[in-house]
Amino acid sequence: GQKTRVVKHSVSPTYNHTMVYDGFQTSDLREACAELTVCQRDGLKTNILGGVHLSCGTEKPPTSLCYFLMAGQSYGEAVSWMDSTKDEVAVWTSMIENSNRWIDTTLPIRTNLMQWSV
């Protein structure tokens, strides 16, 4: 994955970073998930403060076994990381529908984020 620059000694860092991924088609974005994590470094130790999962999510009935075991599906396969909140889904969908336009948004980080990388 890609990383932004480190902002030292700030309780309210601002990032204005553009990340570019080659090889994706617009249709792939409905099956993909962008994980953004916020970390705090203390010497050699890295503390994960939280993050967001930007994806289209997967709608499931809350009584299904899948709802409790897996978050959703990507390309028909069960995956745990397709667990975006309603607000995260709205941002991702807006980005897909408005390609080549800036989407200015604010999302709260989730401290209970199920991670798949650091």
N, C-alpha and C. Protein backbone atom coordinates (compact mmCIF):
# COMPACT_ATOMS: atom_id res chain seq x y z
N GLY A 1 0.80 -1.19 0.00
CA GLY A 1 0.00 0.00 0.00
C GLY A 1 0.84 1.25 0.00
N GLN A 2 0.22 2.35 -0.12
CA GLN A 2 0.91 3.63 -0.14
C GLN A 2 0.78 4.30 1.22
N LYS A 3 1.75 5.13 1.56
CA LYS A 3 1.73 5.86 2.82
C LYS A 3 1.92 7.35 2.57
N THR A 4 1.26 8.15 3.40
CA THR A 4 1.45 9.60 3.33
C THR A 4 2.69 9.97 4.14
N ARG A 5 3.09 11.21 4.05
CA ARG A 5 4.21 11.68 4.85
C ARG A 5 3.80 11.72 6.31
N VAL A 6 4.76 11.72 7.19
CA VAL A 6 4.51 11.77 8.63
C VAL A 6 4.38 13.22 9.06
N VAL A 7 3.36 13.53 9.85
CA VAL A 7 3.20 14.86 10.43
C VAL A 7 3.54 14.74 11.92
N LYS A 8 4.67 15.34 12.30
CA LYS A 8 5.14 15.21 13.68
C LYS A 8 4.59 16.32 14.57
N HIS A 9 4.39 15.98 15.83
CA HIS A 9 4.03 16.93 16.88
C HIS A 9 2.75 17.71 16.57
N SER A 10 1.72 17.03 16.08
CA SER A 10 0.45 17.68 15.77
C SER A 10 -0.69 16.82 16.29
N VAL A 11 -1.64 17.46 16.98
CA VAL A 11 -2.83 16.73 17.42
C VAL A 11 -3.94 16.83 16.39
N SER A 12 -3.72 17.64 15.34
CA SER A 12 -4.71 17.80 14.29
C SER A 12 -4.02 17.88 12.93
N PRO A 13 -3.39 16.79 12.50
CA PRO A 13 -2.67 16.85 11.22
C PRO A 13 -3.62 16.93 10.04
N THR A 14 -3.18 17.59 8.99
CA THR A 14 -3.92 17.69 7.75
C THR A 14 -3.10 17.05 6.65
N TYR A 15 -3.75 16.21 5.86
CA TYR A 15 -3.07 15.55 4.76
C TYR A 15 -3.72 15.98 3.46
N ASN A 16 -2.92 16.39 2.52
CA ASN A 16 -3.39 16.75 1.19
C ASN A 16 -2.56 15.92 0.23
N HIS A 17 -2.91 14.66 0.12
CA HIS A 17 -2.09 13.69 -0.59
C HIS A 17 -2.92 13.00 -1.66
N THR A 18 -2.38 12.91 -2.85
CA THR A 18 -3.05 12.21 -3.93
C THR A 18 -2.37 10.86 -4.13
N MET A 19 -3.16 9.80 -4.15
CA MET A 19 -2.64 8.47 -4.41
C MET A 19 -3.19 8.00 -5.74
N VAL A 20 -2.32 7.42 -6.55
CA VAL A 20 -2.71 6.96 -7.88
C VAL A 20 -2.48 5.46 -7.96
N TYR A 21 -3.48 4.75 -8.43
CA TYR A 21 -3.40 3.30 -8.62
C TYR A 21 -3.66 2.99 -10.08
N ASP A 22 -2.69 2.38 -10.73
CA ASP A 22 -2.84 2.01 -12.13
C ASP A 22 -3.46 0.63 -12.25
N GLY A 23 -4.12 0.39 -13.37
CA GLY A 23 -4.65 -0.93 -13.65
C GLY A 23 -6.07 -1.18 -13.19
N PHE A 24 -6.68 -0.20 -12.52
CA PHE A 24 -8.06 -0.35 -12.09
C PHE A 24 -8.99 0.20 -13.15
N GLN A 25 -10.05 -0.51 -13.40
CA GLN A 25 -11.14 -0.01 -14.24
C GLN A 25 -12.22 0.50 -13.29
N THR A 26 -13.06 1.39 -13.75
CA THR A 26 -14.15 1.91 -12.92
C THR A 26 -15.01 0.77 -12.37
N SER A 27 -15.24 -0.25 -13.19
CA SER A 27 -16.06 -1.38 -12.74
C SER A 27 -15.41 -2.14 -11.58
N ASP A 28 -14.07 -2.13 -11.49
CA ASP A 28 -13.37 -2.80 -10.40
C ASP A 28 -13.62 -2.13 -9.06
N LEU A 29 -13.90 -0.84 -9.07
CA LEU A 29 -14.05 -0.09 -7.82
C LEU A 29 -15.24 -0.56 -6.99
N ARG A 30 -16.24 -1.12 -7.62
CA ARG A 30 -17.40 -1.63 -6.87
C ARG A 30 -17.05 -2.89 -6.10
N GLU A 31 -15.96 -3.56 -6.46
CA GLU A 31 -15.52 -4.78 -5.80
C GLU A 31 -14.32 -4.55 -4.88
N ALA A 32 -13.79 -3.33 -4.89
CA ALA A 32 -12.57 -3.02 -4.15
C ALA A 32 -12.88 -2.28 -2.85
N CYS A 33 -11.87 -2.18 -2.01
CA CYS A 33 -11.98 -1.44 -0.76
C CYS A 33 -10.67 -0.70 -0.52
N ALA A 34 -10.76 0.60 -0.24
CA ALA A 34 -9.58 1.39 0.12
C ALA A 34 -9.56 1.52 1.63
N GLU A 35 -8.51 1.00 2.25
CA GLU A 35 -8.37 1.09 3.71
C GLU A 35 -7.45 2.26 4.04
N LEU A 36 -7.94 3.17 4.86
CA LEU A 36 -7.14 4.30 5.34
C LEU A 36 -7.01 4.15 6.84
N THR A 37 -5.77 4.03 7.32
CA THR A 37 -5.55 3.88 8.76
C THR A 37 -4.76 5.06 9.28
N VAL A 38 -5.07 5.44 10.52
CA VAL A 38 -4.38 6.53 11.19
C VAL A 38 -3.55 5.91 12.32
N CYS A 39 -2.24 6.17 12.26
CA CYS A 39 -1.32 5.58 13.24
C CYS A 39 -0.59 6.68 14.00
N GLN A 40 -0.17 6.32 15.18
CA GLN A 40 0.67 7.20 16.00
C GLN A 40 1.94 6.43 16.29
N ARG A 41 3.06 7.05 15.99
CA ARG A 41 4.34 6.38 16.22
C ARG A 41 4.98 6.93 17.48
N ASP A 42 5.44 6.01 18.31
CA ASP A 42 6.13 6.36 19.55
C ASP A 42 7.43 5.56 19.58
N GLY A 43 8.50 6.17 19.10
CA GLY A 43 9.76 5.45 18.99
C GLY A 43 9.63 4.35 17.96
N LEU A 44 9.87 3.13 18.34
CA LEU A 44 9.76 1.99 17.43
C LEU A 44 8.36 1.38 17.42
N LYS A 45 7.52 1.83 18.35
CA LYS A 45 6.17 1.27 18.47
C LYS A 45 5.18 2.09 17.64
N THR A 46 4.29 1.38 16.93
CA THR A 46 3.24 2.02 16.14
C THR A 46 1.89 1.67 16.75
N ASN A 47 1.13 2.69 17.13
CA ASN A 47 -0.22 2.49 17.67
C ASN A 47 -1.23 2.85 16.59
N ILE A 48 -2.13 1.94 16.31
CA ILE A 48 -3.18 2.20 15.32
C ILE A 48 -4.34 2.86 16.04
N LEU A 49 -4.65 4.09 15.64
CA LEU A 49 -5.73 4.86 16.28
C LEU A 49 -7.09 4.52 15.71
N GLY A 50 -7.13 4.12 14.44
CA GLY A 50 -8.39 3.79 13.79
C GLY A 50 -8.27 4.00 12.31
N GLY A 51 -9.41 3.99 11.63
CA GLY A 51 -9.38 4.17 10.19
C GLY A 51 -10.75 4.07 9.57
N VAL A 52 -10.76 3.99 8.25
CA VAL A 52 -12.01 3.85 7.49
C VAL A 52 -11.79 2.82 6.38
N HIS A 53 -12.86 2.19 5.96
CA HIS A 53 -12.87 1.31 4.79
C HIS A 53 -13.81 1.93 3.77
N LEU A 54 -13.26 2.42 2.67
CA LEU A 54 -14.09 3.00 1.62
C LEU A 54 -14.39 1.91 0.60
N SER A 55 -15.66 1.55 0.50
CA SER A 55 -16.10 0.53 -0.45
C SER A 55 -17.60 0.68 -0.66
N CYS A 56 -18.13 -0.13 -1.56
CA CYS A 56 -19.58 -0.15 -1.77
C CYS A 56 -20.29 -1.00 -0.72
N GLY A 57 -19.52 -1.72 0.09
CA GLY A 57 -20.13 -2.56 1.11
C GLY A 57 -20.92 -3.68 0.47
N THR A 58 -21.56 -4.46 1.30
CA THR A 58 -22.41 -5.54 0.82
C THR A 58 -23.64 -5.58 1.71
N GLU A 59 -24.79 -5.41 1.11
CA GLU A 59 -26.03 -5.47 1.88
C GLU A 59 -26.33 -6.90 2.31
N LYS A 60 -26.64 -7.11 3.57
CA LYS A 60 -26.98 -8.43 4.09
C LYS A 60 -28.12 -8.29 5.08
N PRO A 61 -29.01 -9.24 5.15
CA PRO A 61 -30.02 -9.20 6.20
C PRO A 61 -29.34 -9.46 7.55
N PRO A 62 -29.67 -8.71 8.60
CA PRO A 62 -28.97 -8.85 9.88
C PRO A 62 -29.17 -10.19 10.56
N THR A 63 -30.07 -11.01 10.07
CA THR A 63 -30.26 -12.31 10.69
C THR A 63 -29.47 -13.41 10.01
N SER A 64 -28.82 -13.11 8.88
CA SER A 64 -28.09 -14.15 8.17
C SER A 64 -26.80 -14.51 8.90
N LEU A 65 -26.39 -15.76 8.77
CA LEU A 65 -25.15 -16.22 9.38
C LEU A 65 -23.97 -15.43 8.82
N CYS A 66 -24.03 -15.10 7.55
CA CYS A 66 -22.98 -14.32 6.90
C CYS A 66 -22.78 -12.98 7.60
N TYR A 67 -23.85 -12.40 8.09
CA TYR A 67 -23.78 -11.09 8.76
C TYR A 67 -22.87 -11.16 9.98
N PHE A 68 -22.88 -12.27 10.69
CA PHE A 68 -22.10 -12.40 11.91
C PHE A 68 -20.68 -12.89 11.66
N LEU A 69 -20.46 -13.61 10.55
CA LEU A 69 -19.15 -14.20 10.30
C LEU A 69 -18.29 -13.40 9.33
N MET A 70 -18.88 -12.85 8.31
CA MET A 70 -18.15 -12.12 7.29
C MET A 70 -18.85 -10.81 7.01
N ALA A 71 -18.08 -9.84 6.59
CA ALA A 71 -18.67 -8.53 6.32
C ALA A 71 -19.36 -8.49 4.97
N GLY A 72 -18.84 -9.19 3.97
CA GLY A 72 -19.46 -9.09 2.67
C GLY A 72 -18.74 -9.88 1.61
N GLN A 73 -18.91 -9.46 0.36
CA GLN A 73 -18.34 -10.19 -0.76
C GLN A 73 -17.62 -9.25 -1.71
N SER A 74 -16.60 -9.79 -2.36
CA SER A 74 -15.90 -9.10 -3.43
C SER A 74 -15.68 -10.12 -4.54
N TYR A 75 -16.14 -9.79 -5.75
CA TYR A 75 -16.08 -10.72 -6.88
C TYR A 75 -16.67 -12.08 -6.52
N GLY A 76 -17.73 -12.08 -5.71
CA GLY A 76 -18.43 -13.30 -5.34
C GLY A 76 -17.80 -14.10 -4.21
N GLU A 77 -16.66 -13.67 -3.71
CA GLU A 77 -15.97 -14.37 -2.62
C GLU A 77 -16.26 -13.67 -1.30
N ALA A 78 -16.45 -14.44 -0.24
CA ALA A 78 -16.68 -13.88 1.09
C ALA A 78 -15.39 -13.24 1.60
N VAL A 79 -15.49 -11.99 2.07
CA VAL A 79 -14.34 -11.25 2.60
C VAL A 79 -14.75 -10.53 3.88
N SER A 80 -13.81 -10.37 4.78
CA SER A 80 -14.11 -9.70 6.04
C SER A 80 -13.96 -8.19 5.95
N TRP A 81 -13.29 -7.69 4.93
CA TRP A 81 -12.98 -6.27 4.86
C TRP A 81 -14.02 -5.42 4.13
N MET A 82 -15.05 -6.01 3.58
CA MET A 82 -16.09 -5.24 2.89
C MET A 82 -17.14 -4.83 3.92
N ASP A 83 -16.69 -4.05 4.92
CA ASP A 83 -17.53 -3.72 6.07
C ASP A 83 -17.76 -2.22 6.24
N SER A 84 -17.79 -1.49 5.15
CA SER A 84 -17.93 -0.04 5.22
C SER A 84 -19.23 0.38 5.88
N THR A 85 -19.16 1.49 6.62
CA THR A 85 -20.36 2.07 7.22
C THR A 85 -21.18 2.75 6.12
N LYS A 86 -22.39 3.14 6.46
CA LYS A 86 -23.27 3.82 5.50
C LYS A 86 -22.60 5.09 4.96
N ASP A 87 -21.94 5.86 5.82
CA ASP A 87 -21.27 7.10 5.39
C ASP A 87 -20.07 6.80 4.50
N GLU A 88 -19.31 5.74 4.82
CA GLU A 88 -18.16 5.37 3.99
C GLU A 88 -18.62 4.91 2.61
N VAL A 89 -19.71 4.15 2.56
CA VAL A 89 -20.27 3.70 1.29
C VAL A 89 -20.71 4.92 0.47
N ALA A 90 -21.33 5.89 1.12
CA ALA A 90 -21.79 7.09 0.41
C ALA A 90 -20.62 7.85 -0.22
N VAL A 91 -19.52 7.97 0.49
CA VAL A 91 -18.33 8.66 -0.05
C VAL A 91 -17.76 7.88 -1.23
N TRP A 92 -17.59 6.57 -1.07
CA TRP A 92 -17.02 5.75 -2.14
C TRP A 92 -17.90 5.79 -3.39
N THR A 93 -19.21 5.67 -3.19
CA THR A 93 -20.15 5.71 -4.31
C THR A 93 -20.08 7.06 -5.02
N SER A 94 -19.99 8.14 -4.25
CA SER A 94 -19.88 9.47 -4.83
C SER A 94 -18.59 9.60 -5.64
N MET A 95 -17.51 9.01 -5.15
CA MET A 95 -16.24 9.05 -5.89
C MET A 95 -16.35 8.30 -7.21
N ILE A 96 -17.02 7.16 -7.20
CA ILE A 96 -17.18 6.37 -8.41
C ILE A 96 -18.05 7.11 -9.42
N GLU A 97 -19.14 7.70 -8.94
CA GLU A 97 -20.09 8.38 -9.83
C GLU A 97 -19.57 9.72 -10.33
N ASN A 98 -18.56 10.27 -9.68
CA ASN A 98 -18.01 11.57 -10.06
C ASN A 98 -16.52 11.45 -10.37
N SER A 99 -16.17 10.50 -11.23
CA SER A 99 -14.76 10.27 -11.52
C SER A 99 -14.13 11.53 -12.10
N ASN A 100 -12.85 11.70 -11.79
CA ASN A 100 -12.05 12.86 -12.22
C ASN A 100 -12.53 14.17 -11.60
N ARG A 101 -13.23 14.06 -10.47
CA ARG A 101 -13.63 15.25 -9.69
C ARG A 101 -13.21 15.04 -8.24
N TRP A 102 -12.87 16.14 -7.58
CA TRP A 102 -12.51 16.07 -6.16
C TRP A 102 -13.76 15.88 -5.33
N ILE A 103 -13.68 15.02 -4.34
CA ILE A 103 -14.77 14.82 -3.39
C ILE A 103 -14.25 15.29 -2.04
N ASP A 104 -14.80 16.37 -1.53
CA ASP A 104 -14.38 16.93 -0.24
C ASP A 104 -15.31 16.38 0.83
N THR A 105 -14.75 15.65 1.77
CA THR A 105 -15.58 15.01 2.79
C THR A 105 -14.81 14.85 4.09
N THR A 106 -15.54 14.60 5.13
CA THR A 106 -14.95 14.30 6.44
C THR A 106 -15.65 13.05 6.97
N LEU A 107 -14.85 12.09 7.40
CA LEU A 107 -15.40 10.87 7.99
C LEU A 107 -14.74 10.64 9.34
N PRO A 108 -15.49 10.16 10.33
CA PRO A 108 -14.87 9.81 11.61
C PRO A 108 -14.09 8.51 11.46
N ILE A 109 -12.94 8.42 12.14
CA ILE A 109 -12.23 7.15 12.10
C ILE A 109 -12.91 6.17 13.05
N ARG A 110 -12.86 4.91 12.66
CA ARG A 110 -13.44 3.85 13.50
C ARG A 110 -12.32 3.21 14.30
N THR A 111 -12.49 3.15 15.60
CA THR A 111 -11.48 2.52 16.44
C THR A 111 -11.63 1.01 16.46
N ASN A 112 -12.74 0.50 15.96
CA ASN A 112 -12.97 -0.95 15.91
C ASN A 112 -12.74 -1.50 14.52
N LEU A 113 -11.95 -0.83 13.73
CA LEU A 113 -11.70 -1.24 12.35
C LEU A 113 -11.04 -2.60 12.29
N MET A 114 -11.65 -3.53 11.53
CA MET A 114 -11.04 -4.84 11.30
C MET A 114 -10.00 -4.65 10.21
N GLN A 115 -8.73 -4.81 10.55
CA GLN A 115 -7.67 -4.49 9.60
C GLN A 115 -7.14 -5.70 8.88
N TRP A 116 -6.61 -5.45 7.71
CA TRP A 116 -5.97 -6.50 6.94
C TRP A 116 -4.57 -6.13 6.57
N SER A 117 -4.09 -4.95 6.97
CA SER A 117 -2.69 -4.57 6.74
C SER A 117 -2.34 -3.40 7.62
N VAL A 118 -1.03 -3.20 7.82
CA VAL A 118 -0.53 -2.04 8.56
C VAL A 118 0.58 -1.43 7.76
